[in-house]
Amino acid sequence: GCPVLVGPSCPHDVLRQQSVELNVSEYLTPSDIIDNIPSAEEENSNVDYDVENSHIAAAAVKIVASTSPSLKELLTDEIIQKGTSERPPCRFEELSIQNVVTTNNVKLQVILDVAHNPPAMKYLIQKLRATYPGKRYRFVVGMSADKDLGLCGRMLLDAVASGGGGPSSLHLVEATHPRAATLQAMMDAVPKLQDAHHGETISVGDQVRHALLLAAGASSAAAAGQEEEIVIVCGSVFLMADARAALGYDEPRDSNVINEVAGCNLLSGQENFGNTDPEKVLMERAARLYKQSPTTSPPADK
């Protein structure tokens, strides 16, 4: 008996059938609630997913406000627009970074975005091209193991190729989380990724700093007629705390004790610890780190 609101990119034939079976009162999209939203057919190839999400949020607030005269009076169009224009961290978060890895005063543009599957990657690349046309892109990427690694990897290769880059414009990392895809899994899915940066370290922070150093060199060369590089960190929300720390942000984080008990940075304390053997996760993680380290010597026989 309640209304259902869905975004424009949903499989509407499936959801409409479900809404009939569940006896919803109305099946709505944002364009049914908000005027002057372009239809899917009218949208161009550079659709901004942030704007799309804001339309969905605004439509949801309007639906709720319509149930109460006092809410409708309180939640004016101006208030709704202001509230839904706010962005959470790591949703195409644009940062200007200076003197984090160099002292040459070069300002670097860094984008943090939690795009983690093919549709989100598509939107991210579209927004990059619309916001920074003609620029070169350098990606630091780590994925979750249950995502389409092959398609996401090929999309990123296409994105860097459009600016004249290749696999060396990608930096592969592993998040400190049991759901993280291994470097080997990403390279198996897209063999060309073997030529990406990955052998130096799988550390998120180290690869972010490495990408910044290379981008700083490219930006310095921009005066000679080359395009500067934009550094983008994407692929998983599990990368972002380490990435932000590498960029110089000092933010609250769970203690190492909590991380170890939770099985290496699980989503929250509400996850079922019984689904994860913390000791096994930590041992597997340590083994991968040991294997990837080019400077580690084998332990002596005892």
C-alpha atoms as a PDB file:
ATOM      1  CA  GLY A   1       0.000   0.000   0.000  1.00  0.00           C
ATOM      2  CA  CYS A   2       3.021   2.331  -0.034  1.00  0.00           C
ATOM      3  CA  PRO A   3       4.521   4.141  -3.024  1.00  0.00           C
ATOM      4  CA  VAL A   4       7.820   2.987  -4.484  1.00  0.00           C
ATOM      5  CA  LEU A   5      10.394   5.350  -5.987  1.00  0.00           C
ATOM      6  CA  VAL A   6      13.033   4.032  -8.385  1.00  0.00           C
ATOM      7  CA  GLY A   7      15.841   5.642 -10.335  1.00  0.00           C
ATOM      8  CA  PRO A   8      15.802   6.055 -14.110  1.00  0.00           C
ATOM      9  CA  SER A   9      18.459   3.395 -14.736  1.00  0.00           C
ATOM     10  CA  CYS A  10      16.658   0.534 -12.993  1.00  0.00           C
ATOM     11  CA  PRO A  11      15.217  -2.516 -14.841  1.00  0.00           C
ATOM     12  CA  HIS A  12      11.699  -1.087 -14.862  1.00  0.00           C
ATOM     13  CA  ASP A  13       9.998  -4.091 -16.434  1.00  0.00           C
ATOM     14  CA  VAL A  14      11.141  -6.297 -13.549  1.00  0.00           C
ATOM     15  CA  LEU A  15      10.416  -3.751 -10.840  1.00  0.00           C
ATOM     16  CA  ARG A  16       6.994  -2.848 -12.201  1.00  0.00           C
ATOM     17  CA  GLN A  17       6.008  -6.511 -12.106  1.00  0.00           C
ATOM     18  CA  GLN A  18       7.260  -6.758  -8.523  1.00  0.00           C
ATOM     19  CA  SER A  19       5.319  -3.640  -7.572  1.00  0.00           C
ATOM     20  CA  VAL A  20       2.122  -5.211  -8.877  1.00  0.00           C
ATOM     21  CA  GLU A  21       2.769  -8.391  -6.914  1.00  0.00           C
ATOM     22  CA  LEU A  22       3.498  -6.387  -3.760  1.00  0.00           C
ATOM     23  CA  ASN A  23       0.441  -4.166  -4.260  1.00  0.00           C
ATOM     24  CA  VAL A  24       2.310  -0.859  -4.037  1.00  0.00           C
ATOM     25  CA  SER A  25       0.148   2.250  -4.229  1.00  0.00           C
ATOM     26  CA  GLU A  26       2.238   4.020  -6.886  1.00  0.00           C
ATOM     27  CA  TYR A  27       5.276   3.234  -9.033  1.00  0.00           C
ATOM     28  CA  LEU A  28       7.217   6.476  -9.376  1.00  0.00           C
ATOM     29  CA  THR A  29      10.395   7.827 -10.905  1.00  0.00           C
ATOM     30  CA  PRO A  30      11.911  11.248 -10.092  1.00  0.00           C
ATOM     31  CA  SER A  31      10.452  12.781 -13.257  1.00  0.00           C
ATOM     32  CA  ASP A  32       6.962  12.002 -11.908  1.00  0.00           C
ATOM     33  CA  ILE A  33       7.684  14.206  -8.875  1.00  0.00           C
ATOM     34  CA  ILE A  34      10.099  16.878 -10.106  1.00  0.00           C
ATOM     35  CA  ASP A  35       9.543  19.035 -13.168  1.00  0.00           C
ATOM     36  CA  ASN A  36      12.049  19.479 -15.992  1.00  0.00           C
ATOM     37  CA  ILE A  37      14.084  16.322 -15.453  1.00  0.00           C
ATOM     38  CA  PRO A  38      15.286  15.001 -18.833  1.00  0.00           C
ATOM     39  CA  SER A  39      14.036  11.546 -19.739  1.00  0.00           C
ATOM     40  CA  ALA A  40      16.483   8.688 -20.266  1.00  0.00           C
ATOM     41  CA  GLU A  41      16.163   9.197 -24.020  1.00  0.00           C
ATOM     42  CA  GLU A  42      16.944  12.904 -23.720  1.00  0.00           C
ATOM     43  CA  GLU A  43      20.003  12.454 -21.494  1.00  0.00           C
ATOM     44  CA  ASN A  44      23.315  12.772 -23.309  1.00  0.00           C
ATOM     45  CA  SER A  45      26.285  10.432 -22.951  1.00  0.00           C
ATOM     46  CA  ASN A  46      27.793  12.625 -20.227  1.00  0.00           C
ATOM     47  CA  VAL A  47      24.968  12.172 -17.711  1.00  0.00           C
ATOM     48  CA  ASP A  48      26.078  13.190 -14.218  1.00  0.00           C
ATOM     49  CA  TYR A  49      25.252  10.402 -11.788  1.00  0.00           C
ATOM     50  CA  ASP A  50      25.527  12.845  -8.862  1.00  0.00           C
ATOM     51  CA  VAL A  51      22.720  14.923 -10.365  1.00  0.00           C
ATOM     52  CA  GLU A  52      20.714  11.757 -10.978  1.00  0.00           C
ATOM     53  CA  ASN A  53      21.146  10.686  -7.344  1.00  0.00           C
ATOM     54  CA  SER A  54      20.159  14.170  -6.150  1.00  0.00           C
ATOM     55  CA  HIS A  55      16.946  13.970  -8.179  1.00  0.00           C
ATOM     56  CA  ILE A  56      16.104  10.624  -6.565  1.00  0.00           C
ATOM     57  CA  ALA A  57      16.790  11.978  -3.073  1.00  0.00           C
ATOM     58  CA  ALA A  58      14.785  15.152  -3.713  1.00  0.00           C
ATOM     59  CA  ALA A  59      11.851  13.153  -5.063  1.00  0.00           C
ATOM     60  CA  ALA A  60      11.903  10.914  -1.985  1.00  0.00           C
ATOM     61  CA  VAL A  61      11.837  13.926   0.354  1.00  0.00           C
ATOM     62  CA  LYS A  62       8.931  15.445  -1.584  1.00  0.00           C
ATOM     63  CA  ILE A  63       6.954  12.207  -1.327  1.00  0.00           C
ATOM     64  CA  VAL A  64       7.470  12.105   2.450  1.00  0.00           C
ATOM     65  CA  ALA A  65       6.682  15.827   2.795  1.00  0.00           C
ATOM     66  CA  SER A  66       3.408  15.351   0.941  1.00  0.00           C
ATOM     67  CA  THR A  67       2.129  13.143   3.767  1.00  0.00           C
ATOM     68  CA  SER A  68       2.082  15.977   6.295  1.00  0.00           C
ATOM     69  CA  PRO A  69       1.103  19.665   5.982  1.00  0.00           C
ATOM     70  CA  SER A  70       3.695  20.644   8.603  1.00  0.00           C
ATOM     71  CA  LEU A  71       6.451  18.750   6.747  1.00  0.00           C
ATOM     72  CA  LYS A  72       5.405  20.257   3.451  1.00  0.00           C
ATOM     73  CA  GLU A  73       5.654  23.725   4.981  1.00  0.00           C
ATOM     74  CA  LEU A  74       9.046  22.972   6.514  1.00  0.00           C
ATOM     75  CA  LEU A  75      10.633  21.193   3.535  1.00  0.00           C
ATOM     76  CA  THR A  76      10.510  23.924   0.933  1.00  0.00           C
ATOM     77  CA  ASP A  77      12.012  23.487  -2.531  1.00  0.00           C
ATOM     78  CA  GLU A  78      14.934  25.673  -1.449  1.00  0.00           C
ATOM     79  CA  ILE A  79      15.642  23.527   1.614  1.00  0.00           C
ATOM     80  CA  ILE A  80      15.371  20.307  -0.396  1.00  0.00           C
ATOM     81  CA  GLN A  81      17.687  21.639  -3.109  1.00  0.00           C
ATOM     82  CA  LYS A  82      20.262  22.726  -0.540  1.00  0.00           C
ATOM     83  CA  GLY A  83      20.148  19.430   1.318  1.00  0.00           C
ATOM     84  CA  THR A  84      20.357  17.189  -1.743  1.00  0.00           C
ATOM     85  CA  SER A  85      23.217  19.207  -3.234  1.00  0.00           C
ATOM     86  CA  GLU A  86      25.534  18.169  -0.394  1.00  0.00           C
ATOM     87  CA  ARG A  87      27.975  15.378  -1.267  1.00  0.00           C
ATOM     88  CA  PRO A  88      29.362  12.686   1.030  1.00  0.00           C
ATOM     89  CA  PRO A  89      33.111  12.081   0.951  1.00  0.00           C
ATOM     90  CA  CYS A  90      34.558   9.984  -1.873  1.00  0.00           C
ATOM     91  CA  ARG A  91      31.687  10.630  -4.303  1.00  0.00           C
ATOM     92  CA  PHE A  92      33.656  12.386  -7.047  1.00  0.00           C
ATOM     93  CA  GLU A  93      35.402  14.264  -4.255  1.00  0.00           C
ATOM     94  CA  GLU A  94      37.775  16.771  -5.865  1.00  0.00           C
ATOM     95  CA  LEU A  95      40.938  17.601  -3.936  1.00  0.00           C
ATOM     96  CA  SER A  96      43.812  19.958  -4.693  1.00  0.00           C
ATOM     97  CA  ILE A  97      46.987  18.425  -3.286  1.00  0.00           C
ATOM     98  CA  GLN A  98      50.277  20.267  -2.908  1.00  0.00           C
ATOM     99  CA  ASN A  99      53.661  19.245  -1.430  1.00  0.00           C
ATOM    100  CA  VAL A 100      52.438  15.875  -0.128  1.00  0.00           C
ATOM    101  CA  VAL A 101      55.086  13.863  -1.984  1.00  0.00           C
ATOM    102  CA  THR A 102      57.216  16.663  -3.475  1.00  0.00           C
ATOM    103  CA  THR A 103      58.393  20.126  -2.482  1.00  0.00           C
ATOM    104  CA  ASN A 104      58.119  21.715  -5.927  1.00  0.00           C
ATOM    105  CA  ASN A 105      54.792  23.453  -5.143  1.00  0.00           C
ATOM    106  CA  VAL A 106      53.028  21.660  -8.016  1.00  0.00           C
ATOM    107  CA  LYS A 107      49.292  21.470  -7.346  1.00  0.00           C
ATOM    108  CA  LEU A 108      47.792  18.109  -8.243  1.00  0.00           C
ATOM    109  CA  GLN A 109      44.134  17.395  -8.861  1.00  0.00           C
ATOM    110  CA  VAL A 110      42.977  14.199  -7.145  1.00  0.00           C
ATOM    111  CA  ILE A 111      39.535  12.592  -7.396  1.00  0.00           C
ATOM    112  CA  LEU A 112      38.265  10.092  -4.827  1.00  0.00           C
ATOM    113  CA  ASP A 113      35.295   8.074  -6.024  1.00  0.00           C
ATOM    114  CA  VAL A 114      33.910   4.787  -4.708  1.00  0.00           C
ATOM    115  CA  ALA A 115      32.880   3.556  -8.191  1.00  0.00           C
ATOM    116  CA  HIS A 116      33.065  -0.207  -7.747  1.00  0.00           C
ATOM    117  CA  ASN A 117      31.126  -1.894 -10.567  1.00  0.00           C
ATOM    118  CA  PRO A 118      30.681  -1.402 -14.337  1.00  0.00           C
ATOM    119  CA  PRO A 119      27.727   1.034 -14.191  1.00  0.00           C
ATOM    120  CA  ALA A 120      29.493   3.179 -11.585  1.00  0.00           C
ATOM    121  CA  MET A 121      32.758   3.047 -13.554  1.00  0.00           C
ATOM    122  CA  LYS A 122      30.890   4.156 -16.661  1.00  0.00           C
ATOM    123  CA  TYR A 123      29.415   7.155 -14.851  1.00  0.00           C
ATOM    124  CA  LEU A 124      32.777   8.033 -13.277  1.00  0.00           C
ATOM    125  CA  ILE A 125      34.556   8.037 -16.642  1.00  0.00           C
ATOM    126  CA  GLN A 126      31.754  10.057 -18.231  1.00  0.00           C
ATOM    127  CA  LYS A 127      31.965  12.683 -15.493  1.00  0.00           C
ATOM    128  CA  LEU A 128      35.764  12.788 -15.738  1.00  0.00           C
ATOM    129  CA  ARG A 129      35.551  13.483 -19.471  1.00  0.00           C
ATOM    130  CA  ALA A 130      32.882  16.133 -18.960  1.00  0.00           C
ATOM    131  CA  THR A 131      34.669  17.841 -16.045  1.00  0.00           C
ATOM    132  CA  TYR A 132      38.263  17.516 -17.246  1.00  0.00           C
ATOM    133  CA  PRO A 133      38.100  17.228 -21.040  1.00  0.00           C
ATOM    134  CA  GLY A 134      41.395  16.594 -22.797  1.00  0.00           C
ATOM    135  CA  LYS A 135      43.267  15.725 -19.582  1.00  0.00           C
ATOM    136  CA  ARG A 136      45.337  12.616 -18.961  1.00  0.00           C
ATOM    137  CA  TYR A 137      44.113  10.278 -16.246  1.00  0.00           C
ATOM    138  CA  ARG A 138      46.097   8.171 -13.760  1.00  0.00           C
ATOM    139  CA  PHE A 139      44.076   5.647 -11.757  1.00  0.00           C
ATOM    140  CA  VAL A 140      44.830   3.939  -8.456  1.00  0.00           C
ATOM    141  CA  VAL A 141      42.376   1.057  -8.405  1.00  0.00           C
ATOM    142  CA  GLY A 142      41.508  -1.847  -6.157  1.00  0.00           C
ATOM    143  CA  MET A 143      38.375  -3.928  -6.482  1.00  0.00           C
ATOM    144  CA  SER A 144      36.227  -6.279  -4.445  1.00  0.00           C
ATOM    145  CA  ALA A 145      36.492  -9.908  -5.487  1.00  0.00           C
ATOM    146  CA  ASP A 146      32.771 -10.263  -6.276  1.00  0.00           C
ATOM    147  CA  LYS A 147      32.740  -7.528  -8.950  1.00  0.00           C
ATOM    148  CA  ASP A 148      33.234  -7.822 -12.717  1.00  0.00           C
ATOM    149  CA  LEU A 149      37.008  -7.366 -12.689  1.00  0.00           C
ATOM    150  CA  GLY A 150      37.373  -7.919 -16.417  1.00  0.00           C
ATOM    151  CA  LEU A 151      34.863  -5.334 -17.568  1.00  0.00           C
ATOM    152  CA  CYS A 152      35.983  -2.734 -15.011  1.00  0.00           C
ATOM    153  CA  GLY A 153      39.631  -3.235 -15.963  1.00  0.00           C
ATOM    154  CA  ARG A 154      38.924  -2.853 -19.674  1.00  0.00           C
ATOM    155  CA  MET A 155      36.881   0.299 -19.060  1.00  0.00           C
ATOM    156  CA  LEU A 156      39.774   1.876 -17.175  1.00  0.00           C
ATOM    157  CA  LEU A 157      42.240   0.923 -19.908  1.00  0.00           C
ATOM    158  CA  ASP A 158      39.958   2.599 -22.454  1.00  0.00           C
ATOM    159  CA  ALA A 159      39.736   5.696 -20.238  1.00  0.00           C
ATOM    160  CA  VAL A 160      43.501   6.180 -19.997  1.00  0.00           C
ATOM    161  CA  ALA A 161      43.957   5.352 -23.701  1.00  0.00           C
ATOM    162  CA  SER A 162      41.726   8.289 -24.639  1.00  0.00           C
ATOM    163  CA  GLY A 163      44.398  10.586 -23.216  1.00  0.00           C
ATOM    164  CA  GLY A 164      47.294   8.761 -24.810  1.00  0.00           C
ATOM    165  CA  GLY A 165      48.054   6.591 -21.782  1.00  0.00           C
ATOM    166  CA  GLY A 166      48.370   2.842 -21.387  1.00  0.00           C
ATOM    167  CA  PRO A 167      48.497   0.202 -18.643  1.00  0.00           C
ATOM    168  CA  SER A 168      51.321   2.121 -16.943  1.00  0.00           C
ATOM    169  CA  SER A 169      48.735   4.808 -16.132  1.00  0.00           C
ATOM    170  CA  LEU A 170      47.059   2.335 -13.768  1.00  0.00           C
ATOM    171  CA  HIS A 171      48.200   1.404 -10.250  1.00  0.00           C
ATOM    172  CA  LEU A 172      46.752  -1.826  -8.835  1.00  0.00           C
ATOM    173  CA  VAL A 173      46.275  -2.205  -5.093  1.00  0.00           C
ATOM    174  CA  GLU A 174      44.649  -4.529  -2.571  1.00  0.00           C
ATOM    175  CA  ALA A 175      42.481  -3.130   0.179  1.00  0.00           C
ATOM    176  CA  THR A 176      43.045  -4.499   3.678  1.00  0.00           C
ATOM    177  CA  HIS A 177      39.741  -6.315   3.662  1.00  0.00           C
ATOM    178  CA  PRO A 178      38.857  -9.995   3.199  1.00  0.00           C
ATOM    179  CA  ARG A 179      36.537  -9.143   0.297  1.00  0.00           C
ATOM    180  CA  ALA A 180      39.298  -7.413  -1.650  1.00  0.00           C
ATOM    181  CA  ALA A 181      40.302  -8.866  -5.020  1.00  0.00           C
ATOM    182  CA  THR A 182      43.925  -9.944  -5.228  1.00  0.00           C
ATOM    183  CA  LEU A 183      46.292  -8.399  -7.729  1.00  0.00           C
ATOM    184  CA  GLN A 184      46.554 -11.759  -9.447  1.00  0.00           C
ATOM    185  CA  ALA A 185      42.785 -11.974  -9.858  1.00  0.00           C
ATOM    186  CA  MET A 186      42.704  -8.525 -11.479  1.00  0.00           C
ATOM    187  CA  MET A 187      45.556  -9.421 -13.832  1.00  0.00           C
ATOM    188  CA  ASP A 188      44.023 -12.788 -14.692  1.00  0.00           C
ATOM    189  CA  ALA A 189      40.792 -10.989 -15.622  1.00  0.00           C
ATOM    190  CA  VAL A 190      42.636  -8.491 -17.852  1.00  0.00           C
ATOM    191  CA  PRO A 191      46.140  -9.726 -18.820  1.00  0.00           C
ATOM    192  CA  LYS A 192      47.138  -6.245 -20.057  1.00  0.00           C
ATOM    193  CA  LEU A 193      47.058  -5.140 -16.424  1.00  0.00           C
ATOM    194  CA  GLN A 194      50.308  -7.041 -15.887  1.00  0.00           C
ATOM    195  CA  ASP A 195      51.936  -3.919 -17.356  1.00  0.00           C
ATOM    196  CA  ALA A 196      50.280  -1.693 -14.764  1.00  0.00           C
ATOM    197  CA  HIS A 197      52.104  -0.548 -11.634  1.00  0.00           C
ATOM    198  CA  HIS A 198      51.756  -3.280  -9.021  1.00  0.00           C
ATOM    199  CA  GLY A 199      55.080  -5.018  -8.432  1.00  0.00           C
ATOM    200  CA  GLU A 200      56.500  -2.266  -6.251  1.00  0.00           C
ATOM    201  CA  THR A 201      53.890  -2.732  -3.503  1.00  0.00           C
ATOM    202  CA  ILE A 202      50.230  -3.614  -3.071  1.00  0.00           C
ATOM    203  CA  SER A 203      49.892  -0.950  -0.366  1.00  0.00           C
ATOM    204  CA  VAL A 204      47.156   1.574  -1.103  1.00  0.00           C
ATOM    205  CA  GLY A 205      49.081   4.425   0.502  1.00  0.00           C
ATOM    206  CA  ASP A 206      52.359   3.618  -1.276  1.00  0.00           C
ATOM    207  CA  GLN A 207      50.707   3.390  -4.702  1.00  0.00           C
ATOM    208  CA  VAL A 208      48.804   6.643  -4.129  1.00  0.00           C
ATOM    209  CA  ARG A 209      52.098   8.370  -3.315  1.00  0.00           C
ATOM    210  CA  HIS A 210      53.748   6.731  -6.356  1.00  0.00           C
ATOM    211  CA  ALA A 211      50.911   7.951  -8.592  1.00  0.00           C
ATOM    212  CA  LEU A 212      51.257  11.468  -7.159  1.00  0.00           C
ATOM    213  CA  LEU A 213      54.984  11.498  -7.907  1.00  0.00           C
ATOM    214  CA  LEU A 214      54.402  10.469 -11.518  1.00  0.00           C
ATOM    215  CA  ALA A 215      51.569  12.964 -11.892  1.00  0.00           C
ATOM    216  CA  ALA A 216      53.758  15.706 -10.434  1.00  0.00           C
ATOM    217  CA  GLY A 217      56.323  14.973 -13.126  1.00  0.00           C
ATOM    218  CA  ALA A 218      53.631  15.100 -15.786  1.00  0.00           C
ATOM    219  CA  SER A 219      52.315  18.385 -14.421  1.00  0.00           C
ATOM    220  CA  SER A 220      55.798  19.865 -14.444  1.00  0.00           C
ATOM    221  CA  ALA A 221      56.109  18.805 -18.074  1.00  0.00           C
ATOM    222  CA  ALA A 222      52.773  20.443 -18.888  1.00  0.00           C
ATOM    223  CA  ALA A 223      54.631  23.698 -19.417  1.00  0.00           C
ATOM    224  CA  ALA A 224      56.314  22.012 -22.384  1.00  0.00           C
ATOM    225  CA  GLY A 225      52.945  21.435 -24.041  1.00  0.00           C
ATOM    226  CA  GLN A 226      51.941  18.116 -22.436  1.00  0.00           C
ATOM    227  CA  GLU A 227      48.645  17.730 -20.633  1.00  0.00           C
ATOM    228  CA  GLU A 228      48.733  17.471 -16.862  1.00  0.00           C
ATOM    229  CA  GLU A 229      47.456  14.302 -15.215  1.00  0.00           C
ATOM    230  CA  ILE A 230      44.459  13.898 -12.942  1.00  0.00           C
ATOM    231  CA  VAL A 231      44.897  11.199 -10.269  1.00  0.00           C
ATOM    232  CA  ILE A 232      41.771   9.145  -9.548  1.00  0.00           C
ATOM    233  CA  VAL A 233      41.421   6.639  -6.700  1.00  0.00           C
ATOM    234  CA  CYS A 234      38.502   4.264  -7.251  1.00  0.00           C
ATOM    235  CA  GLY A 235      37.277   0.676  -7.216  1.00  0.00           C
ATOM    236  CA  SER A 236      36.202   0.126  -3.628  1.00  0.00           C
ATOM    237  CA  VAL A 237      35.162   2.032  -0.522  1.00  0.00           C
ATOM    238  CA  PHE A 238      37.711  -0.085   1.346  1.00  0.00           C
ATOM    239  CA  LEU A 239      40.575   1.878  -0.262  1.00  0.00           C
ATOM    240  CA  MET A 240      39.507   5.300   0.817  1.00  0.00           C
ATOM    241  CA  ALA A 241      40.728   5.542   4.415  1.00  0.00           C
ATOM    242  CA  ASP A 242      44.273   4.573   3.380  1.00  0.00           C
ATOM    243  CA  ALA A 243      44.115   6.829   0.318  1.00  0.00           C
ATOM    244  CA  ARG A 244      43.008   9.831   2.362  1.00  0.00           C
ATOM    245  CA  ALA A 245      45.768   9.182   4.896  1.00  0.00           C
ATOM    246  CA  ALA A 246      48.336   9.084   2.067  1.00  0.00           C
ATOM    247  CA  LEU A 247      46.995  12.443   0.853  1.00  0.00           C
ATOM    248  CA  GLY A 248      47.690  14.001   4.234  1.00  0.00           C
ATOM    249  CA  TYR A 249      44.287  13.747   5.908  1.00  0.00           C
ATOM    250  CA  ASP A 250      44.432  12.942   9.621  1.00  0.00           C
ATOM    251  CA  GLU A 251      41.048  11.410  10.364  1.00  0.00           C
ATOM    252  CA  PRO A 252      39.649   9.123  13.092  1.00  0.00           C
ATOM    253  CA  ARG A 253      39.996   5.409  12.338  1.00  0.00           C
ATOM    254  CA  ASP A 254      39.330   2.167  14.154  1.00  0.00           C
ATOM    255  CA  SER A 255      42.241   0.960  16.247  1.00  0.00           C
ATOM    256  CA  ASN A 256      44.432  -1.884  14.992  1.00  0.00           C
ATOM    257  CA  VAL A 257      42.946  -4.095  17.711  1.00  0.00           C
ATOM    258  CA  ILE A 258      39.413  -3.572  16.371  1.00  0.00           C
ATOM    259  CA  ASN A 259      40.605  -4.158  12.802  1.00  0.00           C
ATOM    260  CA  GLU A 260      42.249  -7.446  13.725  1.00  0.00           C
ATOM    261  CA  VAL A 261      39.276  -8.712  15.728  1.00  0.00           C
ATOM    262  CA  ALA A 262      36.904  -7.727  12.927  1.00  0.00           C
ATOM    263  CA  GLY A 263      38.965  -9.541  10.312  1.00  0.00           C
ATOM    264  CA  CYS A 264      40.890  -6.642   8.762  1.00  0.00           C
ATOM    265  CA  ASN A 265      38.603  -3.653   8.338  1.00  0.00           C
ATOM    266  CA  LEU A 266      35.193  -5.259   8.009  1.00  0.00           C
ATOM    267  CA  LEU A 267      32.367  -2.874   7.220  1.00  0.00           C
ATOM    268  CA  SER A 268      31.185  -2.502  10.803  1.00  0.00           C
ATOM    269  CA  GLY A 269      30.971  -4.202  14.138  1.00  0.00           C
ATOM    270  CA  GLN A 270      27.530  -5.452  13.169  1.00  0.00           C
ATOM    271  CA  GLU A 271      28.907  -7.871  10.599  1.00  0.00           C
ATOM    272  CA  ASN A 272      28.791 -11.521  11.532  1.00  0.00           C
ATOM    273  CA  PHE A 273      32.271 -12.397  12.744  1.00  0.00           C
ATOM    274  CA  GLY A 274      31.353 -16.077  12.469  1.00  0.00           C
ATOM    275  CA  ASN A 275      31.518 -15.774   8.675  1.00  0.00           C
ATOM    276  CA  THR A 276      35.197 -14.838   8.835  1.00  0.00           C
ATOM    277  CA  ASP A 277      38.117 -16.555  10.542  1.00  0.00           C
ATOM    278  CA  PRO A 278      40.192 -13.516  11.631  1.00  0.00           C
ATOM    279  CA  GLU A 279      43.401 -15.502  12.105  1.00  0.00           C
ATOM    280  CA  LYS A 280      43.086 -17.083   8.654  1.00  0.00           C
ATOM    281  CA  VAL A 281      42.373 -13.706   7.042  1.00  0.00           C
ATOM    282  CA  LEU A 282      45.382 -12.106   8.721  1.00  0.00           C
ATOM    283  CA  MET A 283      47.679 -14.986   7.760  1.00  0.00           C
ATOM    284  CA  GLU A 284      46.546 -14.903   4.127  1.00  0.00           C
ATOM    285  CA  ARG A 285      47.016 -11.149   4.038  1.00  0.00           C
ATOM    286  CA  ALA A 286      50.512 -11.425   5.550  1.00  0.00           C
ATOM    287  CA  ALA A 287      51.436 -14.124   3.042  1.00  0.00           C
ATOM    288  CA  ARG A 288      50.361 -11.931   0.109  1.00  0.00           C
ATOM    289  CA  LEU A 289      52.282  -8.958   1.483  1.00  0.00           C
ATOM    290  CA  TYR A 290      55.392 -11.121   1.989  1.00  0.00           C
ATOM    291  CA  LYS A 291      55.115 -12.546  -1.529  1.00  0.00           C
ATOM    292  CA  GLN A 292      54.712  -9.073  -3.095  1.00  0.00           C
ATOM    293  CA  SER A 293      57.606  -7.449  -1.234  1.00  0.00           C
ATOM    294  CA  PRO A 294      60.699  -7.227  -3.480  1.00  0.00           C
ATOM    295  CA  THR A 295      63.012  -6.621  -0.519  1.00  0.00           C
ATOM    296  CA  THR A 296      61.899  -9.315   1.892  1.00  0.00           C
ATOM    297  CA  SER A 297      64.370 -12.118   2.473  1.00  0.00           C
ATOM    298  CA  PRO A 298      63.177 -15.646   3.302  1.00  0.00           C
ATOM    299  CA  PRO A 299      63.151 -16.406   7.010  1.00  0.00           C
ATOM    300  CA  ALA A 300      66.134 -18.378   8.246  1.00  0.00           C
ATOM    301  CA  ASP A 301      65.634 -22.031   9.099  1.00  0.00           C
ATOM    302  CA  LYS A 302      65.301 -22.703  12.782  1.00  0.00           C
END
